[in-house]
Amino acid sequence: MITLFHSLIGIIYSFWSGTMRVMKSHHEKPVDIRAAVITISSSRTMETDTSGKTIIRFLEEDHIPVLSYGIVKDSVEEIRRQLFQALKDCNCIIMNGGTGLSPDDCTIEAVAPLLEKRIEGFGEIFRLKGLQDIGTATILSRAIAGTCGGGVIFCIPGSTPAVSLAMKEIIIPELRHILSHVQGKPPADDKKKAE
C-alpha cells in the first residue's frame, strides 16, 4: 500500500513539475541574487559547520555570490539580529538548523512572524521529498520559506543530507523564479515595449 502511495505521489509530482517548468520559463526574469547563509547552532563552529559549507558550495556552483555567512546560537533574539543584518545587503537568506521539535529549536519561532508571504509549497515539497529518504520521520521537520523586505528566506534543517536535498531539489531550481515574482521585475520584452 505504501509503495502504491509513493508511486502515485511520484506520478503527480512529475506531472506537476513538468507543468511548472513550462510556466516558469514565462515568469522567470533576470535578477541580481545576493545570498546570506546563517547556521543556527549552539555547538557548531566555522570548522565543523558542514551544512553551512554545503549551502555555500551549492550557491557558488550556481554563480550566486554569498555576501554573508555566520553561526548564531539557538536564540530568537540572536537569530533575528543576524537575519536583519543580512537583509540589509542580501535578497536570499538561507538558514539551517533549529527547525525541529527539541526545546532549543527556535528558528521557526524567530522567523515565521517576520514573513510577509509564506511559500507554503516549500515545506510541503521538502517533506514529500524527505519521505523517500527518511520515511515518515520527515514530519518532524518544520522547514518553511517566505518573503521579507523584497527578498526570500528559507529555513531548513541543519543536517547535511537535508541541506543537500533542499538546495539541489528545490532552492537552486526555483530561486530565480521566486525572486522574479518577489521583486516584481518586468520581463525584458516589456521594458523594450515601454521604451
N, C-alpha and C. Protein backbone atom coordinates (compact mmCIF):
# COMPACT_ATOMS: atom_id res chain seq x y z
N MET A 1 0.82 -1.19 0.00
CA MET A 1 0.00 0.00 0.00
C MET A 1 0.87 1.27 0.00
N ILE A 2 1.93 1.24 0.85
CA ILE A 2 2.80 2.40 0.92
C ILE A 2 3.54 2.59 -0.41
N THR A 3 3.97 1.50 -1.03
CA THR A 3 4.65 1.59 -2.33
C THR A 3 3.73 2.18 -3.38
N LEU A 4 2.46 1.79 -3.37
CA LEU A 4 1.48 2.35 -4.29
C LEU A 4 1.33 3.85 -4.04
N PHE A 5 1.27 4.22 -2.76
CA PHE A 5 1.16 5.63 -2.40
C PHE A 5 2.35 6.42 -2.92
N HIS A 6 3.58 5.90 -2.69
CA HIS A 6 4.78 6.58 -3.18
C HIS A 6 4.76 6.72 -4.69
N SER A 7 4.32 5.67 -5.40
CA SER A 7 4.25 5.72 -6.86
C SER A 7 3.27 6.78 -7.33
N LEU A 8 2.12 6.82 -6.68
CA LEU A 8 1.09 7.81 -7.03
C LEU A 8 1.59 9.23 -6.79
N ILE A 9 2.24 9.45 -5.66
CA ILE A 9 2.80 10.77 -5.36
C ILE A 9 3.85 11.12 -6.42
N GLY A 10 4.68 10.16 -6.80
CA GLY A 10 5.70 10.39 -7.82
C GLY A 10 5.12 10.80 -9.15
N ILE A 11 4.03 10.15 -9.56
CA ILE A 11 3.37 10.47 -10.83
C ILE A 11 2.79 11.89 -10.77
N ILE A 12 2.12 12.19 -9.67
CA ILE A 12 1.53 13.54 -9.51
C ILE A 12 2.62 14.59 -9.54
N TYR A 13 3.72 14.34 -8.80
CA TYR A 13 4.80 15.31 -8.75
C TYR A 13 5.46 15.50 -10.12
N SER A 14 5.66 14.41 -10.85
CA SER A 14 6.27 14.51 -12.19
C SER A 14 5.42 15.35 -13.13
N PHE A 15 4.11 15.14 -13.09
CA PHE A 15 3.21 15.92 -13.93
C PHE A 15 3.26 17.39 -13.52
N TRP A 16 3.17 17.62 -12.21
CA TRP A 16 3.17 18.99 -11.69
C TRP A 16 4.47 19.71 -12.03
N SER A 17 5.62 19.03 -11.82
CA SER A 17 6.89 19.70 -12.07
C SER A 17 7.09 19.99 -13.56
N GLY A 18 6.62 19.11 -14.45
CA GLY A 18 6.70 19.36 -15.88
C GLY A 18 5.88 20.57 -16.28
N THR A 19 4.69 20.67 -15.73
CA THR A 19 3.82 21.82 -16.00
C THR A 19 4.45 23.10 -15.47
N MET A 20 5.04 23.03 -14.27
CA MET A 20 5.65 24.21 -13.67
C MET A 20 6.87 24.68 -14.46
N ARG A 21 7.65 23.74 -15.04
CA ARG A 21 8.82 24.14 -15.83
C ARG A 21 8.40 24.99 -17.02
N VAL A 22 7.30 24.63 -17.68
CA VAL A 22 6.80 25.41 -18.81
C VAL A 22 6.36 26.78 -18.34
N MET A 23 5.64 26.84 -17.23
CA MET A 23 5.17 28.12 -16.69
C MET A 23 6.34 28.99 -16.25
N LYS A 24 7.36 28.37 -15.62
CA LYS A 24 8.48 29.12 -15.08
C LYS A 24 9.22 29.89 -16.15
N SER A 25 9.39 29.31 -17.33
CA SER A 25 10.14 29.98 -18.38
C SER A 25 9.47 31.29 -18.80
N HIS A 26 8.16 31.40 -18.62
CA HIS A 26 7.46 32.64 -18.96
C HIS A 26 7.49 33.66 -17.83
N HIS A 27 7.74 33.21 -16.61
CA HIS A 27 7.68 34.10 -15.46
C HIS A 27 9.04 34.48 -14.91
N GLU A 28 10.08 33.74 -15.27
CA GLU A 28 11.39 33.99 -14.71
C GLU A 28 12.07 35.14 -15.43
N LYS A 29 12.60 36.08 -14.66
CA LYS A 29 13.26 37.25 -15.21
C LYS A 29 14.67 37.35 -14.64
N PRO A 30 15.55 38.07 -15.30
CA PRO A 30 16.91 38.22 -14.75
C PRO A 30 16.85 38.96 -13.41
N VAL A 31 17.49 38.41 -12.41
CA VAL A 31 17.53 39.05 -11.09
C VAL A 31 18.95 38.99 -10.56
N ASP A 32 19.29 39.98 -9.77
CA ASP A 32 20.59 40.04 -9.12
C ASP A 32 20.43 39.38 -7.74
N ILE A 33 20.99 38.19 -7.59
CA ILE A 33 20.83 37.46 -6.33
C ILE A 33 22.06 37.67 -5.46
N ARG A 34 21.82 38.05 -4.22
CA ARG A 34 22.88 38.23 -3.23
C ARG A 34 22.48 37.40 -2.01
N ALA A 35 23.29 36.41 -1.68
CA ALA A 35 22.88 35.44 -0.66
C ALA A 35 23.61 35.62 0.66
N ALA A 36 22.90 35.18 1.71
CA ALA A 36 23.48 35.07 3.05
C ALA A 36 23.16 33.68 3.57
N VAL A 37 24.09 33.11 4.29
CA VAL A 37 23.90 31.79 4.90
C VAL A 37 24.05 31.95 6.40
N ILE A 38 23.04 31.49 7.13
CA ILE A 38 23.07 31.57 8.59
C ILE A 38 22.83 30.17 9.16
N THR A 39 23.78 29.71 9.94
CA THR A 39 23.64 28.42 10.63
C THR A 39 23.23 28.69 12.06
N ILE A 40 22.18 28.02 12.50
CA ILE A 40 21.70 28.17 13.87
C ILE A 40 22.13 26.94 14.64
N SER A 41 23.04 27.14 15.59
CA SER A 41 23.58 26.03 16.36
C SER A 41 24.33 26.58 17.57
N SER A 42 24.16 25.91 18.70
CA SER A 42 24.91 26.29 19.89
C SER A 42 26.20 25.52 20.02
N SER A 43 26.47 24.59 19.09
CA SER A 43 27.67 23.76 19.20
C SER A 43 28.60 23.82 17.99
N ARG A 44 28.11 24.22 16.83
CA ARG A 44 28.96 24.21 15.63
C ARG A 44 29.89 25.42 15.60
N THR A 45 31.00 25.21 14.89
CA THR A 45 31.95 26.30 14.64
C THR A 45 32.11 26.41 13.12
N MET A 46 32.84 27.40 12.67
CA MET A 46 33.09 27.56 11.24
C MET A 46 33.79 26.31 10.67
N GLU A 47 34.61 25.68 11.50
CA GLU A 47 35.34 24.49 11.05
C GLU A 47 34.44 23.26 10.96
N THR A 48 33.46 23.15 11.85
CA THR A 48 32.62 21.94 11.89
C THR A 48 31.27 22.10 11.20
N ASP A 49 31.01 23.27 10.66
CA ASP A 49 29.70 23.53 10.05
C ASP A 49 29.64 23.01 8.61
N THR A 50 29.49 21.70 8.46
CA THR A 50 29.44 21.12 7.12
C THR A 50 28.18 21.53 6.36
N SER A 51 27.09 21.76 7.09
CA SER A 51 25.84 22.15 6.41
C SER A 51 25.94 23.55 5.82
N GLY A 52 26.47 24.49 6.58
CA GLY A 52 26.66 25.84 6.06
C GLY A 52 27.57 25.85 4.85
N LYS A 53 28.65 25.07 4.93
CA LYS A 53 29.59 24.99 3.80
C LYS A 53 28.93 24.35 2.57
N THR A 54 28.03 23.38 2.81
CA THR A 54 27.32 22.74 1.70
C THR A 54 26.41 23.74 1.00
N ILE A 55 25.72 24.56 1.77
CA ILE A 55 24.85 25.59 1.18
C ILE A 55 25.69 26.54 0.33
N ILE A 56 26.79 26.99 0.88
CA ILE A 56 27.67 27.92 0.16
C ILE A 56 28.17 27.29 -1.14
N ARG A 57 28.55 26.01 -1.08
CA ARG A 57 29.03 25.33 -2.29
C ARG A 57 27.97 25.31 -3.37
N PHE A 58 26.72 24.96 -3.00
CA PHE A 58 25.63 24.94 -3.99
C PHE A 58 25.41 26.32 -4.59
N LEU A 59 25.44 27.36 -3.77
CA LEU A 59 25.24 28.72 -4.28
C LEU A 59 26.36 29.12 -5.22
N GLU A 60 27.59 28.88 -4.81
CA GLU A 60 28.73 29.27 -5.65
C GLU A 60 28.78 28.50 -6.96
N GLU A 61 28.38 27.22 -6.92
CA GLU A 61 28.33 26.44 -8.15
C GLU A 61 27.29 27.00 -9.13
N ASP A 62 26.29 27.69 -8.60
CA ASP A 62 25.27 28.32 -9.44
C ASP A 62 25.58 29.80 -9.67
N HIS A 63 26.81 30.20 -9.37
CA HIS A 63 27.30 31.57 -9.60
C HIS A 63 26.48 32.61 -8.82
N ILE A 64 26.08 32.25 -7.62
CA ILE A 64 25.36 33.18 -6.75
C ILE A 64 26.33 33.62 -5.65
N PRO A 65 26.63 34.91 -5.57
CA PRO A 65 27.59 35.37 -4.56
C PRO A 65 27.02 35.26 -3.14
N VAL A 66 27.85 34.80 -2.24
CA VAL A 66 27.48 34.72 -0.82
C VAL A 66 28.17 35.89 -0.12
N LEU A 67 27.37 36.88 0.27
CA LEU A 67 27.93 38.09 0.87
C LEU A 67 28.07 37.99 2.38
N SER A 68 27.38 37.03 2.98
CA SER A 68 27.39 36.94 4.43
C SER A 68 27.25 35.49 4.87
N TYR A 69 28.03 35.11 5.88
CA TYR A 69 27.94 33.77 6.46
C TYR A 69 28.23 33.88 7.95
N GLY A 70 27.35 33.29 8.75
CA GLY A 70 27.56 33.34 10.19
C GLY A 70 26.88 32.20 10.90
N ILE A 71 27.31 31.99 12.14
CA ILE A 71 26.71 30.98 13.00
C ILE A 71 26.18 31.69 14.24
N VAL A 72 24.92 31.42 14.58
CA VAL A 72 24.32 32.03 15.77
C VAL A 72 23.75 30.95 16.67
N LYS A 73 23.66 31.27 17.94
CA LYS A 73 23.12 30.33 18.92
C LYS A 73 21.60 30.21 18.77
N ASP A 74 21.04 29.16 19.36
CA ASP A 74 19.59 28.94 19.35
C ASP A 74 18.92 29.97 20.26
N SER A 75 18.71 31.15 19.72
CA SER A 75 18.11 32.25 20.48
C SER A 75 17.31 33.11 19.50
N VAL A 76 16.05 33.35 19.82
CA VAL A 76 15.19 34.15 18.94
C VAL A 76 15.82 35.51 18.68
N GLU A 77 16.32 36.15 19.71
CA GLU A 77 16.90 37.48 19.56
C GLU A 77 18.14 37.45 18.67
N GLU A 78 19.03 36.47 18.89
CA GLU A 78 20.25 36.36 18.09
C GLU A 78 19.93 36.06 16.62
N ILE A 79 18.98 35.16 16.41
CA ILE A 79 18.59 34.79 15.04
C ILE A 79 18.05 36.01 14.31
N ARG A 80 17.16 36.74 14.96
CA ARG A 80 16.58 37.94 14.32
C ARG A 80 17.62 39.00 14.06
N ARG A 81 18.54 39.20 15.00
CA ARG A 81 19.59 40.20 14.81
C ARG A 81 20.42 39.87 13.56
N GLN A 82 20.83 38.61 13.44
CA GLN A 82 21.63 38.18 12.28
C GLN A 82 20.82 38.29 10.99
N LEU A 83 19.54 37.92 11.05
CA LEU A 83 18.66 38.00 9.88
C LEU A 83 18.50 39.43 9.40
N PHE A 84 18.21 40.35 10.32
CA PHE A 84 18.03 41.76 9.93
C PHE A 84 19.32 42.33 9.35
N GLN A 85 20.45 41.94 9.90
CA GLN A 85 21.74 42.39 9.37
C GLN A 85 21.92 41.89 7.93
N ALA A 86 21.61 40.61 7.70
CA ALA A 86 21.76 40.03 6.36
C ALA A 86 20.82 40.68 5.36
N LEU A 87 19.61 41.01 5.77
CA LEU A 87 18.62 41.60 4.86
C LEU A 87 19.03 42.99 4.35
N LYS A 88 19.98 43.63 5.01
CA LYS A 88 20.45 44.94 4.55
C LYS A 88 21.14 44.85 3.19
N ASP A 89 21.84 43.72 2.95
CA ASP A 89 22.62 43.57 1.72
C ASP A 89 22.18 42.43 0.83
N CYS A 90 21.36 41.50 1.36
CA CYS A 90 21.06 40.27 0.64
C CYS A 90 19.57 40.11 0.39
N ASN A 91 19.23 39.45 -0.71
CA ASN A 91 17.82 39.19 -1.01
C ASN A 91 17.49 37.70 -0.98
N CYS A 92 18.45 36.90 -0.56
CA CYS A 92 18.24 35.45 -0.39
C CYS A 92 18.95 35.04 0.89
N ILE A 93 18.18 34.67 1.90
CA ILE A 93 18.74 34.25 3.18
C ILE A 93 18.41 32.77 3.36
N ILE A 94 19.44 31.96 3.53
CA ILE A 94 19.22 30.53 3.77
C ILE A 94 19.71 30.21 5.17
N MET A 95 18.76 29.81 6.01
CA MET A 95 19.06 29.50 7.42
C MET A 95 18.95 28.00 7.61
N ASN A 96 19.93 27.41 8.28
CA ASN A 96 19.86 25.98 8.54
C ASN A 96 20.04 25.72 10.03
N GLY A 97 19.23 24.77 10.53
CA GLY A 97 19.28 24.41 11.94
C GLY A 97 18.14 25.02 12.73
N GLY A 98 17.80 24.36 13.82
CA GLY A 98 16.78 24.89 14.73
C GLY A 98 15.36 24.77 14.25
N THR A 99 15.10 23.86 13.28
CA THR A 99 13.74 23.75 12.73
C THR A 99 12.98 22.55 13.27
N GLY A 100 13.59 21.82 14.19
CA GLY A 100 12.95 20.61 14.70
C GLY A 100 12.04 20.85 15.88
N LEU A 101 11.91 19.84 16.72
CA LEU A 101 10.95 19.89 17.82
C LEU A 101 11.59 19.92 19.20
N SER A 102 12.92 19.95 19.28
CA SER A 102 13.56 19.94 20.59
C SER A 102 13.32 21.29 21.28
N PRO A 103 13.44 21.33 22.61
CA PRO A 103 13.18 22.58 23.34
C PRO A 103 14.02 23.77 22.87
N ASP A 104 15.25 23.51 22.41
CA ASP A 104 16.12 24.60 21.96
C ASP A 104 15.79 25.12 20.56
N ASP A 105 15.09 24.31 19.76
CA ASP A 105 14.81 24.70 18.37
C ASP A 105 13.86 25.89 18.34
N CYS A 106 14.35 27.03 17.82
CA CYS A 106 13.52 28.24 17.82
C CYS A 106 13.64 29.05 16.54
N THR A 107 14.22 28.47 15.49
CA THR A 107 14.36 29.21 14.24
C THR A 107 13.01 29.61 13.67
N ILE A 108 12.07 28.68 13.67
CA ILE A 108 10.74 28.97 13.11
C ILE A 108 10.04 30.05 13.93
N GLU A 109 10.17 29.96 15.24
CA GLU A 109 9.54 30.97 16.11
C GLU A 109 10.15 32.35 15.88
N ALA A 110 11.45 32.40 15.55
CA ALA A 110 12.10 33.68 15.30
C ALA A 110 11.73 34.26 13.94
N VAL A 111 11.59 33.40 12.93
CA VAL A 111 11.44 33.88 11.55
C VAL A 111 9.99 33.99 11.09
N ALA A 112 9.16 33.00 11.42
CA ALA A 112 7.79 32.96 10.88
C ALA A 112 7.00 34.26 11.07
N PRO A 113 7.06 34.90 12.25
CA PRO A 113 6.28 36.14 12.41
C PRO A 113 6.75 37.29 11.51
N LEU A 114 7.96 37.19 10.97
CA LEU A 114 8.52 38.26 10.14
C LEU A 114 8.19 38.10 8.66
N LEU A 115 7.71 36.93 8.27
CA LEU A 115 7.44 36.68 6.85
C LEU A 115 6.21 37.44 6.39
N GLU A 116 6.34 38.12 5.26
CA GLU A 116 5.22 38.85 4.68
C GLU A 116 4.28 37.90 3.94
N LYS A 117 4.86 37.00 3.17
CA LYS A 117 4.08 35.96 2.47
C LYS A 117 4.82 34.65 2.63
N ARG A 118 4.12 33.63 3.09
CA ARG A 118 4.74 32.32 3.24
C ARG A 118 4.64 31.55 1.93
N ILE A 119 5.69 30.81 1.62
CA ILE A 119 5.70 29.93 0.45
C ILE A 119 5.37 28.53 0.97
N GLU A 120 4.09 28.27 1.13
CA GLU A 120 3.63 27.03 1.77
C GLU A 120 4.15 25.79 1.04
N GLY A 121 4.24 25.86 -0.28
CA GLY A 121 4.67 24.70 -1.05
C GLY A 121 6.10 24.27 -0.76
N PHE A 122 6.94 25.18 -0.27
CA PHE A 122 8.33 24.82 0.01
C PHE A 122 8.40 23.71 1.07
N GLY A 123 7.78 23.94 2.21
CA GLY A 123 7.80 22.94 3.27
C GLY A 123 7.11 21.65 2.85
N GLU A 124 6.02 21.80 2.09
CA GLU A 124 5.29 20.61 1.63
C GLU A 124 6.16 19.74 0.72
N ILE A 125 6.80 20.36 -0.27
CA ILE A 125 7.64 19.61 -1.21
C ILE A 125 8.87 19.07 -0.49
N PHE A 126 9.45 19.85 0.43
CA PHE A 126 10.62 19.37 1.17
C PHE A 126 10.28 18.10 1.95
N ARG A 127 9.15 18.11 2.64
CA ARG A 127 8.77 16.93 3.42
C ARG A 127 8.40 15.76 2.50
N LEU A 128 7.77 16.04 1.37
CA LEU A 128 7.45 14.99 0.42
C LEU A 128 8.72 14.31 -0.09
N LYS A 129 9.71 15.11 -0.46
CA LYS A 129 10.96 14.55 -0.94
C LYS A 129 11.70 13.83 0.19
N GLY A 130 11.59 14.34 1.40
CA GLY A 130 12.22 13.70 2.54
C GLY A 130 11.62 12.34 2.86
N LEU A 131 10.35 12.17 2.51
CA LEU A 131 9.67 10.89 2.75
C LEU A 131 10.41 9.75 2.05
N GLN A 132 10.94 10.02 0.88
CA GLN A 132 11.67 9.00 0.12
C GLN A 132 12.97 8.60 0.80
N ASP A 133 13.59 9.54 1.54
CA ASP A 133 14.89 9.27 2.17
C ASP A 133 14.78 8.78 3.61
N ILE A 134 13.91 9.42 4.39
CA ILE A 134 13.87 9.09 5.82
C ILE A 134 12.52 8.59 6.30
N GLY A 135 11.60 8.37 5.38
CA GLY A 135 10.29 7.85 5.76
C GLY A 135 9.45 8.90 6.49
N THR A 136 8.56 8.43 7.33
CA THR A 136 7.61 9.34 7.97
C THR A 136 8.25 10.25 9.01
N ALA A 137 9.51 10.02 9.36
CA ALA A 137 10.22 10.94 10.26
C ALA A 137 10.32 12.34 9.66
N THR A 138 10.04 12.45 8.37
CA THR A 138 10.08 13.76 7.70
C THR A 138 9.09 14.75 8.32
N ILE A 139 8.06 14.24 9.00
CA ILE A 139 7.08 15.16 9.60
C ILE A 139 7.68 15.98 10.74
N LEU A 140 8.85 15.56 11.26
CA LEU A 140 9.48 16.31 12.34
C LEU A 140 10.11 17.62 11.86
N SER A 141 10.27 17.77 10.55
CA SER A 141 10.84 18.99 10.01
C SER A 141 9.76 20.06 9.89
N ARG A 142 10.08 21.24 10.38
CA ARG A 142 9.16 22.38 10.23
C ARG A 142 9.70 23.38 9.21
N ALA A 143 10.42 22.89 8.21
CA ALA A 143 11.02 23.76 7.19
C ALA A 143 9.98 24.70 6.60
N ILE A 144 10.36 25.97 6.48
CA ILE A 144 9.47 26.98 5.90
C ILE A 144 10.26 27.91 4.98
N ALA A 145 9.54 28.67 4.19
CA ALA A 145 10.14 29.72 3.37
C ALA A 145 9.10 30.82 3.21
N GLY A 146 9.59 32.01 2.92
CA GLY A 146 8.67 33.12 2.71
C GLY A 146 9.42 34.38 2.32
N THR A 147 8.66 35.41 2.05
CA THR A 147 9.24 36.67 1.62
C THR A 147 9.34 37.64 2.78
N CYS A 148 10.32 38.54 2.67
CA CYS A 148 10.52 39.56 3.69
C CYS A 148 11.39 40.66 3.10
N GLY A 149 10.89 41.86 3.12
CA GLY A 149 11.68 43.01 2.67
C GLY A 149 12.23 42.92 1.27
N GLY A 150 11.47 42.37 0.35
CA GLY A 150 11.91 42.27 -1.04
C GLY A 150 12.83 41.10 -1.32
N GLY A 151 12.99 40.23 -0.34
CA GLY A 151 13.83 39.05 -0.51
C GLY A 151 13.10 37.79 -0.10
N VAL A 152 13.82 36.68 -0.09
CA VAL A 152 13.24 35.40 0.29
C VAL A 152 14.09 34.77 1.38
N ILE A 153 13.42 34.15 2.34
CA ILE A 153 14.10 33.48 3.44
C ILE A 153 13.70 32.01 3.43
N PHE A 154 14.70 31.13 3.52
CA PHE A 154 14.46 29.69 3.62
C PHE A 154 14.97 29.23 4.98
N CYS A 155 14.17 28.46 5.70
CA CYS A 155 14.59 27.86 6.97
C CYS A 155 14.54 26.35 6.79
N ILE A 156 15.71 25.72 6.83
CA ILE A 156 15.79 24.28 6.57
C ILE A 156 16.52 23.59 7.72
N PRO A 157 16.32 22.28 7.85
CA PRO A 157 17.01 21.55 8.92
C PRO A 157 18.53 21.66 8.78
N GLY A 158 19.24 21.37 9.87
CA GLY A 158 20.68 21.54 9.89
C GLY A 158 21.49 20.33 9.49
N SER A 159 20.86 19.21 9.21
CA SER A 159 21.64 18.04 8.80
C SER A 159 22.14 18.24 7.37
N THR A 160 23.33 17.76 7.09
CA THR A 160 23.90 17.94 5.75
C THR A 160 23.07 17.27 4.66
N PRO A 161 22.54 16.04 4.88
CA PRO A 161 21.67 15.46 3.85
C PRO A 161 20.42 16.30 3.59
N ALA A 162 19.83 16.86 4.64
CA ALA A 162 18.63 17.69 4.46
C ALA A 162 18.96 18.97 3.70
N VAL A 163 20.10 19.56 4.02
CA VAL A 163 20.56 20.77 3.33
C VAL A 163 20.78 20.47 1.85
N SER A 164 21.44 19.37 1.56
CA SER A 164 21.71 18.99 0.17
C SER A 164 20.40 18.78 -0.60
N LEU A 165 19.45 18.11 0.04
CA LEU A 165 18.14 17.87 -0.59
C LEU A 165 17.45 19.19 -0.90
N ALA A 166 17.38 20.07 0.08
CA ALA A 166 16.70 21.35 -0.12
C ALA A 166 17.37 22.18 -1.21
N MET A 167 18.69 22.25 -1.18
CA MET A 167 19.41 23.08 -2.15
C MET A 167 19.30 22.52 -3.56
N LYS A 168 19.57 21.23 -3.69
CA LYS A 168 19.61 20.61 -5.02
C LYS A 168 18.24 20.49 -5.66
N GLU A 169 17.26 20.08 -4.88
CA GLU A 169 15.95 19.74 -5.43
C GLU A 169 14.96 20.90 -5.46
N ILE A 170 15.15 21.92 -4.60
CA ILE A 170 14.12 22.96 -4.52
C ILE A 170 14.69 24.38 -4.65
N ILE A 171 15.64 24.73 -3.77
CA ILE A 171 16.07 26.13 -3.70
C ILE A 171 16.77 26.58 -4.97
N ILE A 172 17.82 25.88 -5.38
CA ILE A 172 18.55 26.30 -6.58
C ILE A 172 17.64 26.29 -7.82
N PRO A 173 16.84 25.26 -8.05
CA PRO A 173 15.97 25.28 -9.24
C PRO A 173 14.93 26.40 -9.25
N GLU A 174 14.48 26.85 -8.07
CA GLU A 174 13.37 27.81 -8.02
C GLU A 174 13.76 29.22 -7.59
N LEU A 175 15.00 29.43 -7.17
CA LEU A 175 15.37 30.71 -6.57
C LEU A 175 15.15 31.90 -7.49
N ARG A 176 15.60 31.83 -8.73
CA ARG A 176 15.41 32.95 -9.65
C ARG A 176 13.93 33.19 -9.94
N HIS A 177 13.19 32.11 -10.05
CA HIS A 177 11.76 32.21 -10.29
C HIS A 177 11.07 32.93 -9.12
N ILE A 178 11.42 32.53 -7.91
CA ILE A 178 10.82 33.15 -6.72
C ILE A 178 11.15 34.63 -6.67
N LEU A 179 12.43 34.96 -6.83
CA LEU A 179 12.82 36.37 -6.73
C LEU A 179 12.26 37.21 -7.88
N SER A 180 12.03 36.60 -9.04
CA SER A 180 11.38 37.32 -10.15
C SER A 180 10.01 37.82 -9.70
N HIS A 181 9.29 36.97 -8.99
CA HIS A 181 7.96 37.36 -8.51
C HIS A 181 8.05 38.34 -7.34
N VAL A 182 8.95 38.06 -6.41
CA VAL A 182 9.07 38.89 -5.21
C VAL A 182 9.44 40.32 -5.58
N GLN A 183 10.39 40.45 -6.51
CA GLN A 183 10.85 41.78 -6.88
C GLN A 183 9.98 42.44 -7.93
N GLY A 184 9.07 41.66 -8.54
CA GLY A 184 8.12 42.22 -9.49
C GLY A 184 8.76 42.87 -10.69
N LYS A 185 9.90 42.33 -11.15
CA LYS A 185 10.58 42.93 -12.30
C LYS A 185 9.83 42.58 -13.58
N PRO A 186 9.65 43.56 -14.47
CA PRO A 186 9.02 43.25 -15.75
C PRO A 186 9.97 42.48 -16.65
N PRO A 187 9.45 41.60 -17.52
CA PRO A 187 10.32 40.90 -18.46
C PRO A 187 11.05 41.88 -19.37
N ALA A 188 12.19 41.45 -19.90
CA ALA A 188 12.99 42.31 -20.79
C ALA A 188 12.17 42.80 -21.97
N ASP A 189 11.29 41.94 -22.55
CA ASP A 189 10.47 42.33 -23.70
C ASP A 189 9.53 43.47 -23.33
N ASP A 190 8.98 43.44 -22.11
CA ASP A 190 8.08 44.51 -21.67
C ASP A 190 8.82 45.83 -21.54
N LYS A 191 10.08 45.78 -21.11
CA LYS A 191 10.87 47.00 -20.99
C LYS A 191 11.06 47.63 -22.36
N LYS A 192 11.38 46.80 -23.36
CA LYS A 192 11.59 47.31 -24.73
C LYS A 192 10.33 47.94 -25.28
N LYS A 193 9.17 47.31 -25.00
CA LYS A 193 7.90 47.87 -25.47
C LYS A 193 7.63 49.22 -24.85
N ALA A 194 8.02 49.36 -23.57
CA ALA A 194 7.76 50.62 -22.87
C ALA A 194 8.61 51.75 -23.42
N GLU A 195 9.81 51.40 -23.92
CA GLU A 195 10.70 52.43 -24.47
C GLU A 195 10.21 52.79 -25.83
